[in-house]
C-alpha atoms as a PDB file:
ATOM      1  CA  MET A   1     -17.269 110.590  -7.361  1.00  0.00           C
ATOM      2  CA  GLY A   2     -17.534 111.906 -10.757  1.00  0.00           C
ATOM      3  CA  LEU A   3     -19.514 111.129 -13.734  1.00  0.00           C
ATOM      4  CA  SER A   4     -20.652 107.399 -14.725  1.00  0.00           C
ATOM      5  CA  ILE A   5     -19.594 105.939 -17.845  1.00  0.00           C
ATOM      6  CA  GLU A   6     -22.813 104.461 -18.380  1.00  0.00           C
ATOM      7  CA  ASN A   7     -24.236 107.292 -20.751  1.00  0.00           C
ATOM      8  CA  LEU A   8     -20.883 108.401 -22.226  1.00  0.00           C
ATOM      9  CA  THR A   9     -19.293 106.898 -25.257  1.00  0.00           C
ATOM     10  CA  GLU A  10     -15.844 106.517 -26.044  1.00  0.00           C
ATOM     11  CA  ARG A  11     -16.265 109.559 -28.236  1.00  0.00           C
ATOM     12  CA  ASP A  12     -17.210 111.555 -25.504  1.00  0.00           C
ATOM     13  CA  ILE A  13     -14.274 110.855 -23.396  1.00  0.00           C
ATOM     14  CA  ALA A  14     -11.773 110.915 -26.479  1.00  0.00           C
ATOM     15  CA  LYS A  15     -13.293 114.490 -27.381  1.00  0.00           C
ATOM     16  CA  THR A  16     -12.487 116.043 -24.705  1.00  0.00           C
ATOM     17  CA  ILE A  17      -8.606 115.102 -24.685  1.00  0.00           C
ATOM     18  CA  ASP A  18      -6.025 117.363 -26.312  1.00  0.00           C
ATOM     19  CA  HIS A  19      -2.911 114.846 -26.704  1.00  0.00           C
ATOM     20  CA  SER A  20       0.172 116.681 -25.294  1.00  0.00           C
ATOM     21  CA  LEU A  21       3.649 116.526 -27.050  1.00  0.00           C
ATOM     22  CA  LEU A  22       5.319 119.513 -25.473  1.00  0.00           C
ATOM     23  CA  ARG A  23       8.476 118.303 -23.530  1.00  0.00           C
ATOM     24  CA  PRO A  24      11.277 119.803 -24.972  1.00  0.00           C
ATOM     25  CA  GLU A  25      13.452 116.402 -25.315  1.00  0.00           C
ATOM     26  CA  LEU A  26      10.819 114.754 -27.521  1.00  0.00           C
ATOM     27  CA  ASP A  27      12.457 113.645 -31.011  1.00  0.00           C
ATOM     28  CA  ASP A  28      10.647 113.584 -34.346  1.00  0.00           C
ATOM     29  CA  ALA A  29      10.100 110.031 -34.117  1.00  0.00           C
ATOM     30  CA  PHE A  30       8.125 110.476 -30.614  1.00  0.00           C
ATOM     31  CA  VAL A  31       5.993 113.134 -31.992  1.00  0.00           C
ATOM     32  CA  GLU A  32       5.063 111.321 -35.129  1.00  0.00           C
ATOM     33  CA  ALA A  33       4.329 108.257 -33.050  1.00  0.00           C
ATOM     34  CA  GLY A  34       1.902 110.383 -30.578  1.00  0.00           C
ATOM     35  CA  CYS A  35       0.266 112.057 -33.457  1.00  0.00           C
ATOM     36  CA  ARG A  36      -0.473 108.723 -34.953  1.00  0.00           C
ATOM     37  CA  LEU A  37      -1.835 107.709 -31.510  1.00  0.00           C
ATOM     38  CA  ALA A  38      -3.977 110.672 -31.471  1.00  0.00           C
ATOM     39  CA  ALA A  39      -5.270 109.745 -34.906  1.00  0.00           C
ATOM     40  CA  LYS A  40      -5.798 106.057 -33.580  1.00  0.00           C
ATOM     41  CA  TYR A  41      -8.213 107.289 -30.448  1.00  0.00           C
ATOM     42  CA  ASP A  42      -9.743 110.037 -32.562  1.00  0.00           C
ATOM     43  CA  VAL A  43      -8.953 112.875 -29.836  1.00  0.00           C
ATOM     44  CA  ALA A  44      -9.954 116.549 -30.021  1.00  0.00           C
ATOM     45  CA  SER A  45      -6.317 117.519 -30.917  1.00  0.00           C
ATOM     46  CA  VAL A  46      -2.511 117.108 -30.565  1.00  0.00           C
ATOM     47  CA  CYS A  47      -1.041 120.323 -28.764  1.00  0.00           C
ATOM     48  CA  VAL A  48       2.760 120.099 -30.399  1.00  0.00           C
ATOM     49  CA  ARG A  49       5.476 122.390 -30.002  1.00  0.00           C
ATOM     50  CA  PRO A  50       5.380 125.485 -32.782  1.00  0.00           C
ATOM     51  CA  ALA A  51       8.396 123.846 -34.493  1.00  0.00           C
ATOM     52  CA  ASP A  52       5.962 120.584 -34.967  1.00  0.00           C
ATOM     53  CA  VAL A  53       2.935 122.101 -36.138  1.00  0.00           C
ATOM     54  CA  ARG A  54       3.892 121.562 -40.095  1.00  0.00           C
ATOM     55  CA  ARG A  55       4.783 117.723 -39.424  1.00  0.00           C
ATOM     56  CA  ALA A  56       1.634 117.107 -37.278  1.00  0.00           C
ATOM     57  CA  LYS A  57      -0.733 118.548 -39.748  1.00  0.00           C
ATOM     58  CA  ALA A  58       0.796 116.377 -42.355  1.00  0.00           C
ATOM     59  CA  ILE A  59       0.630 113.032 -40.410  1.00  0.00           C
ATOM     60  CA  LEU A  60      -3.201 113.897 -39.004  1.00  0.00           C
ATOM     61  CA  ALA A  61      -4.237 115.324 -42.563  1.00  0.00           C
ATOM     62  CA  GLY A  62      -7.722 113.536 -43.534  1.00  0.00           C
ATOM     63  CA  THR A  63      -8.466 112.945 -39.610  1.00  0.00           C
ATOM     64  CA  ASP A  64     -10.828 114.321 -37.207  1.00  0.00           C
ATOM     65  CA  VAL A  65      -8.154 115.658 -34.858  1.00  0.00           C
ATOM     66  CA  ALA A  66      -7.224 119.141 -34.829  1.00  0.00           C
ATOM     67  CA  VAL A  67      -3.517 120.419 -34.588  1.00  0.00           C
ATOM     68  CA  GLY A  68      -2.783 122.731 -31.799  1.00  0.00           C
ATOM     69  CA  THR A  69      -0.005 124.579 -30.611  1.00  0.00           C
ATOM     70  CA  THR A  70       1.339 126.823 -27.753  1.00  0.00           C
ATOM     71  CA  ILE A  71       2.073 130.780 -27.933  1.00  0.00           C
ATOM     72  CA  GLY A  72       4.105 132.567 -25.627  1.00  0.00           C
ATOM     73  CA  PHE A  73       4.815 129.106 -24.000  1.00  0.00           C
ATOM     74  CA  PRO A  74       5.632 128.580 -21.029  1.00  0.00           C
ATOM     75  CA  HIS A  75       5.845 131.579 -19.209  1.00  0.00           C
ATOM     76  CA  GLY A  76       3.289 134.251 -20.932  1.00  0.00           C
ATOM     77  CA  ASN A  77       5.587 137.253 -20.795  1.00  0.00           C
ATOM     78  CA  HIS A  78       6.779 137.426 -24.459  1.00  0.00           C
ATOM     79  CA  THR A  79       5.665 140.878 -25.890  1.00  0.00           C
ATOM     80  CA  THR A  80       2.499 141.057 -27.714  1.00  0.00           C
ATOM     81  CA  GLU A  81       4.225 141.464 -31.032  1.00  0.00           C
ATOM     82  CA  ILE A  82       5.987 137.875 -30.902  1.00  0.00           C
ATOM     83  CA  LYS A  83       2.740 136.343 -29.616  1.00  0.00           C
ATOM     84  CA  VAL A  84       1.077 137.683 -32.794  1.00  0.00           C
ATOM     85  CA  HIS A  85       3.800 136.723 -35.133  1.00  0.00           C
ATOM     86  CA  GLU A  86       3.822 133.149 -33.318  1.00  0.00           C
ATOM     87  CA  ALA A  87       0.420 132.918 -33.637  1.00  0.00           C
ATOM     88  CA  GLU A  88       0.452 133.689 -37.346  1.00  0.00           C
ATOM     89  CA  ARG A  89       3.201 131.182 -38.003  1.00  0.00           C
ATOM     90  CA  ALA A  90       1.221 128.700 -36.472  1.00  0.00           C
ATOM     91  CA  LEU A  91      -1.776 129.152 -38.174  1.00  0.00           C
ATOM     92  CA  ALA A  92       0.049 129.352 -41.875  1.00  0.00           C
ATOM     93  CA  ASP A  93       1.884 125.740 -40.912  1.00  0.00           C
ATOM     94  CA  GLY A  94      -1.844 124.613 -40.124  1.00  0.00           C
ATOM     95  CA  ALA A  95      -2.782 124.965 -36.559  1.00  0.00           C
ATOM     96  CA  THR A  96      -6.728 125.727 -35.946  1.00  0.00           C
ATOM     97  CA  GLU A  97      -6.356 125.892 -32.057  1.00  0.00           C
ATOM     98  CA  LEU A  98      -3.803 128.025 -30.040  1.00  0.00           C
ATOM     99  CA  ASP A  99      -3.118 127.642 -26.241  1.00  0.00           C
ATOM    100  CA  MET A 100      -1.576 131.205 -25.178  1.00  0.00           C
ATOM    101  CA  VAL A 101      -0.235 132.157 -21.930  1.00  0.00           C
ATOM    102  CA  LEU A 102      -1.470 135.359 -20.465  1.00  0.00           C
ATOM    103  CA  GLN A 103       1.327 137.954 -19.321  1.00  0.00           C
ATOM    104  CA  VAL A 104       1.687 136.416 -15.683  1.00  0.00           C
ATOM    105  CA  GLY A 105       3.752 139.533 -14.554  1.00  0.00           C
ATOM    106  CA  ALA A 106       1.553 142.281 -16.033  1.00  0.00           C
ATOM    107  CA  LEU A 107      -1.623 140.339 -14.274  1.00  0.00           C
ATOM    108  CA  LYS A 108       0.032 140.162 -10.775  1.00  0.00           C
ATOM    109  CA  SER A 109       0.903 143.751 -11.289  1.00  0.00           C
ATOM    110  CA  GLY A 110      -2.512 144.917 -12.057  1.00  0.00           C
ATOM    111  CA  ARG A 111      -1.963 145.879 -15.390  1.00  0.00           C
ATOM    112  CA  ASP A 112      -5.530 144.355 -16.521  1.00  0.00           C
ATOM    113  CA  ALA A 113      -5.732 146.404 -19.684  1.00  0.00           C
ATOM    114  CA  ASP A 114      -2.205 145.134 -20.887  1.00  0.00           C
ATOM    115  CA  VAL A 115      -3.325 141.858 -20.635  1.00  0.00           C
ATOM    116  CA  GLU A 116      -6.698 142.067 -22.054  1.00  0.00           C
ATOM    117  CA  ALA A 117      -4.706 143.698 -25.058  1.00  0.00           C
ATOM    118  CA  ASP A 118      -2.135 140.752 -25.050  1.00  0.00           C
ATOM    119  CA  ILE A 119      -5.127 138.244 -25.229  1.00  0.00           C
ATOM    120  CA  ARG A 120      -7.001 140.322 -27.971  1.00  0.00           C
ATOM    121  CA  ALA A 121      -4.583 140.662 -30.086  1.00  0.00           C
ATOM    122  CA  VAL A 122      -3.811 136.993 -30.587  1.00  0.00           C
ATOM    123  CA  VAL A 123      -7.476 136.073 -30.329  1.00  0.00           C
ATOM    124  CA  ASP A 124      -8.057 138.307 -33.478  1.00  0.00           C
ATOM    125  CA  VAL A 125      -5.660 136.733 -35.613  1.00  0.00           C
ATOM    126  CA  ALA A 126      -6.885 133.178 -34.604  1.00  0.00           C
ATOM    127  CA  HIS A 127     -10.636 134.324 -35.216  1.00  0.00           C
ATOM    128  CA  ALA A 128      -9.792 135.758 -38.569  1.00  0.00           C
ATOM    129  CA  ALA A 129      -8.481 132.168 -39.528  1.00  0.00           C
ATOM    130  CA  GLY A 130     -10.898 130.218 -38.076  1.00  0.00           C
ATOM    131  CA  ALA A 131      -8.852 129.405 -35.290  1.00  0.00           C
ATOM    132  CA  ILE A 132      -9.776 129.267 -31.318  1.00  0.00           C
ATOM    133  CA  VAL A 133      -7.665 130.388 -28.514  1.00  0.00           C
ATOM    134  CA  LYS A 134      -7.252 128.853 -24.990  1.00  0.00           C
ATOM    135  CA  VAL A 135      -6.012 131.072 -22.577  1.00  0.00           C
ATOM    136  CA  ILE A 136      -3.486 129.484 -19.935  1.00  0.00           C
ATOM    137  CA  PHE A 137      -3.464 131.173 -16.574  1.00  0.00           C
ATOM    138  CA  GLU A 138      -0.745 129.458 -14.623  1.00  0.00           C
ATOM    139  CA  ASN A 139      -2.739 129.170 -11.551  1.00  0.00           C
ATOM    140  CA  ALA A 140       0.197 128.170  -9.481  1.00  0.00           C
ATOM    141  CA  TYR A 141       1.425 131.503  -9.596  1.00  0.00           C
ATOM    142  CA  LEU A 142      -1.789 133.315  -9.030  1.00  0.00           C
ATOM    143  CA  THR A 143      -4.034 134.204  -5.888  1.00  0.00           C
ATOM    144  CA  ASP A 144      -7.783 133.278  -6.394  1.00  0.00           C
ATOM    145  CA  GLY A 145      -8.400 136.993  -6.952  1.00  0.00           C
ATOM    146  CA  GLU A 146      -5.967 137.212  -9.858  1.00  0.00           C
ATOM    147  CA  LYS A 147      -7.615 134.142 -11.392  1.00  0.00           C
ATOM    148  CA  VAL A 148     -11.039 135.641 -11.362  1.00  0.00           C
ATOM    149  CA  ARG A 149      -9.602 138.705 -13.183  1.00  0.00           C
ATOM    150  CA  ALA A 150      -8.046 136.555 -15.647  1.00  0.00           C
ATOM    151  CA  CYS A 151     -11.387 134.877 -16.442  1.00  0.00           C
ATOM    152  CA  HIS A 152     -12.689 138.340 -16.937  1.00  0.00           C
ATOM    153  CA  LEU A 153     -10.025 139.415 -18.988  1.00  0.00           C
ATOM    154  CA  ALA A 154      -9.852 136.568 -21.192  1.00  0.00           C
ATOM    155  CA  GLU A 155     -13.634 136.392 -21.596  1.00  0.00           C
ATOM    156  CA  ALA A 156     -13.698 140.319 -22.641  1.00  0.00           C
ATOM    157  CA  ALA A 157     -11.008 139.696 -25.195  1.00  0.00           C
ATOM    158  CA  GLY A 158     -12.941 137.215 -27.076  1.00  0.00           C
ATOM    159  CA  ALA A 159     -10.812 133.811 -25.922  1.00  0.00           C
ATOM    160  CA  ASP A 160     -12.650 130.497 -26.480  1.00  0.00           C
ATOM    161  CA  PHE A 161     -11.257 128.868 -23.389  1.00  0.00           C
ATOM    162  CA  VAL A 162      -9.823 129.314 -19.918  1.00  0.00           C
ATOM    163  CA  LYS A 163      -7.345 126.900 -18.856  1.00  0.00           C
ATOM    164  CA  THR A 164      -5.592 126.216 -15.743  1.00  0.00           C
ATOM    165  CA  SER A 165      -1.935 125.642 -16.331  1.00  0.00           C
ATOM    166  CA  THR A 166       0.877 124.995 -18.833  1.00  0.00           C
ATOM    167  CA  GLY A 167       2.067 121.775 -16.923  1.00  0.00           C
ATOM    168  CA  PHE A 168       5.698 123.037 -16.585  1.00  0.00           C
ATOM    169  CA  ALA A 169       5.052 125.104 -13.348  1.00  0.00           C
ATOM    170  CA  PRO A 170       5.060 123.628  -9.609  1.00  0.00           C
ATOM    171  CA  SER A 171       1.321 122.805  -9.722  1.00  0.00           C
ATOM    172  CA  GLY A 172      -1.433 122.072 -12.400  1.00  0.00           C
ATOM    173  CA  ALA A 173      -5.239 121.718 -12.363  1.00  0.00           C
ATOM    174  CA  THR A 174      -7.150 121.702  -8.928  1.00  0.00           C
ATOM    175  CA  HIS A 175     -10.769 120.960  -8.340  1.00  0.00           C
ATOM    176  CA  ASP A 176     -11.121 124.362  -6.576  1.00  0.00           C
ATOM    177  CA  ASP A 177      -9.299 125.937  -9.536  1.00  0.00           C
ATOM    178  CA  LEU A 178     -11.551 124.653 -12.113  1.00  0.00           C
ATOM    179  CA  ARG A 179     -14.540 125.614 -10.042  1.00  0.00           C
ATOM    180  CA  LEU A 180     -13.676 129.119  -9.436  1.00  0.00           C
ATOM    181  CA  MET A 181     -12.790 129.282 -13.091  1.00  0.00           C
ATOM    182  CA  ARG A 182     -16.516 127.847 -14.258  1.00  0.00           C
ATOM    183  CA  ALA A 183     -18.301 130.185 -12.401  1.00  0.00           C
ATOM    184  CA  ASN A 184     -16.473 133.222 -13.380  1.00  0.00           C
ATOM    185  CA  THR A 185     -16.878 132.819 -17.101  1.00  0.00           C
ATOM    186  CA  SER A 186     -20.104 132.751 -19.101  1.00  0.00           C
ATOM    187  CA  PRO A 187     -21.109 129.518 -20.239  1.00  0.00           C
ATOM    188  CA  HIS A 188     -20.042 129.914 -23.833  1.00  0.00           C
ATOM    189  CA  VAL A 189     -16.359 129.931 -22.593  1.00  0.00           C
ATOM    190  CA  GLU A 190     -15.102 126.687 -21.898  1.00  0.00           C
ATOM    191  CA  VAL A 191     -12.763 125.376 -19.669  1.00  0.00           C
ATOM    192  CA  LYS A 192      -9.654 123.377 -19.954  1.00  0.00           C
ATOM    193  CA  ALA A 193      -7.626 121.358 -17.342  1.00  0.00           C
ATOM    194  CA  ALA A 194      -3.915 120.582 -17.860  1.00  0.00           C
ATOM    195  CA  GLY A 195      -1.727 119.167 -15.609  1.00  0.00           C
ATOM    196  CA  GLY A 196      -2.555 116.248 -13.352  1.00  0.00           C
ATOM    197  CA  VAL A 197      -5.456 114.549 -15.351  1.00  0.00           C
ATOM    198  CA  ARG A 198      -3.980 111.260 -15.837  1.00  0.00           C
ATOM    199  CA  THR A 199      -6.752 108.648 -15.190  1.00  0.00           C
ATOM    200  CA  LEU A 200     -10.069 107.996 -16.390  1.00  0.00           C
ATOM    201  CA  ASP A 201     -11.612 108.685 -12.853  1.00  0.00           C
ATOM    202  CA  ALA A 202      -9.770 112.076 -12.767  1.00  0.00           C
ATOM    203  CA  LEU A 203     -11.229 113.084 -16.151  1.00  0.00           C
ATOM    204  CA  LEU A 204     -14.750 111.979 -15.186  1.00  0.00           C
ATOM    205  CA  ASP A 205     -14.296 114.219 -12.007  1.00  0.00           C
ATOM    206  CA  VAL A 206     -13.291 117.334 -14.065  1.00  0.00           C
ATOM    207  CA  MET A 207     -15.995 116.759 -16.634  1.00  0.00           C
ATOM    208  CA  GLU A 208     -18.422 116.830 -13.693  1.00  0.00           C
ATOM    209  CA  ILE A 209     -17.146 120.080 -12.889  1.00  0.00           C
ATOM    210  CA  GLY A 210     -18.009 121.338 -16.551  1.00  0.00           C
ATOM    211  CA  VAL A 211     -14.555 120.973 -18.177  1.00  0.00           C
ATOM    212  CA  THR A 212     -14.833 120.029 -21.718  1.00  0.00           C
ATOM    213  CA  ARG A 213     -11.091 119.465 -22.610  1.00  0.00           C
ATOM    214  CA  ILE A 214      -8.020 118.136 -20.768  1.00  0.00           C
ATOM    215  CA  GLY A 215      -4.447 118.171 -21.688  1.00  0.00           C
ATOM    216  CA  ALA A 216      -3.193 114.694 -21.402  1.00  0.00           C
ATOM    217  CA  THR A 217      -0.165 112.566 -21.825  1.00  0.00           C
ATOM    218  CA  ALA A 218      -1.681 109.257 -20.554  1.00  0.00           C
ATOM    219  CA  THR A 219      -4.461 109.444 -23.604  1.00  0.00           C
ATOM    220  CA  GLU A 220      -4.098 105.650 -24.515  1.00  0.00           C
ATOM    221  CA  ALA A 221      -4.189 104.657 -20.778  1.00  0.00           C
ATOM    222  CA  ILE A 222      -7.404 106.748 -20.354  1.00  0.00           C
ATOM    223  CA  ILE A 223      -9.142 105.337 -23.484  1.00  0.00           C
ATOM    224  CA  LEU A 224      -8.075 101.789 -22.806  1.00  0.00           C
ATOM    225  CA  ASP A 225      -9.715 101.946 -19.233  1.00  0.00           C
ATOM    226  CA  PHE A 226     -12.771 103.177 -20.524  1.00  0.00           C
ATOM    227  CA  ARG A 227     -12.956 100.524 -22.974  1.00  0.00           C
ATOM    228  CA  ALA A 228     -12.186  97.944 -20.361  1.00  0.00           C
ATOM    229  CA  ARG A 229     -15.052  99.502 -18.049  1.00  0.00           C
ATOM    230  CA  LYS A 230     -17.556  99.334 -20.871  1.00  0.00           C
ATOM    231  CA  ALA A 231     -16.690  95.575 -21.439  1.00  0.00           C
ATOM    232  CA  GLY A 232     -17.479  95.160 -17.670  1.00  0.00           C
ATOM    233  CA  ALA A 233     -13.674  95.052 -16.615  1.00  0.00           C
ATOM    234  CA  ALA A 234     -12.696  96.449 -12.980  1.00  0.00           C
ATOM    235  CA  PRO A 235     -11.510 100.299 -13.024  1.00  0.00           C
ATOM    236  CA  VAL A 236      -7.835 100.536 -13.543  1.00  0.00           C
ATOM    237  CA  THR A 237      -6.630 102.633 -10.586  1.00  0.00           C
ATOM    238  CA  THR A 238      -3.340 103.878 -11.962  1.00  0.00           C
ATOM    239  CA  ALA A 239      -2.359 105.150 -15.614  1.00  0.00           C
ATOM    240  CA  THR A 240       1.140 105.793 -17.012  1.00  0.00           C
ATOM    241  CA  GLY A 241       1.522 108.522 -19.674  1.00  0.00           C
ATOM    242  CA  GLU A 242       4.551 109.571 -21.597  1.00  0.00           C
ATOM    243  CA  GLY A 243       5.680 112.039 -18.562  1.00  0.00           C
ATOM    244  CA  SER A 244       4.315 114.856 -16.210  1.00  0.00           C
ATOM    245  CA  GLY A 245       4.422 117.712 -18.804  1.00  0.00           C
ATOM    246  CA  TYR A 246       1.057 119.217 -19.343  1.00  0.00           C
END
């Protein structure tokens, strides 16, 4: 049934959330409002498009909300050199968290050394700047065996997180995938669920599996439901976010 909120604080919930602002059609006003919402609820981070990093950094200056962005998004098959350049530019613009998509085609082709080298190149740049890297597998396209290999390769390359999905594939995070990823990485590698975690109950369920971050658009609904339940109100059974992405 998931964790009880009894022993959780609002900060415990908020700091699992990467507020997602990635859909291609979002205008400047929406991105800016999303950053302010993230600051209002003191979430872990915003995850914005690369072109929005500088704007997000300015809005969130002085807060405890990190600025994250994507690398090789959404398909992962950029060359390593391009991913490294993307990472360098994002870091220069103020990002401190990078969500990179691994080379899906290379993984499926069995070119594990290439996949590891691709991840390591981004990790090295990020860690040198004090930033963290979350490696997106895009599980919708992978077999369980490929997911396990991706876990081992991401960990070997020094990744800080393994992550289920971009939110732009046919499916997102599943409990089976999250259990598989948690079981096949060391404790120091964290797990992020992305795609489909849209309610407080869904968040509590994945936290119980061992997830420490989620990608969410329904941030406000999740936090308000938590506040309501803490105050003794009935659970909210549905939550509406800003859209389906992430």
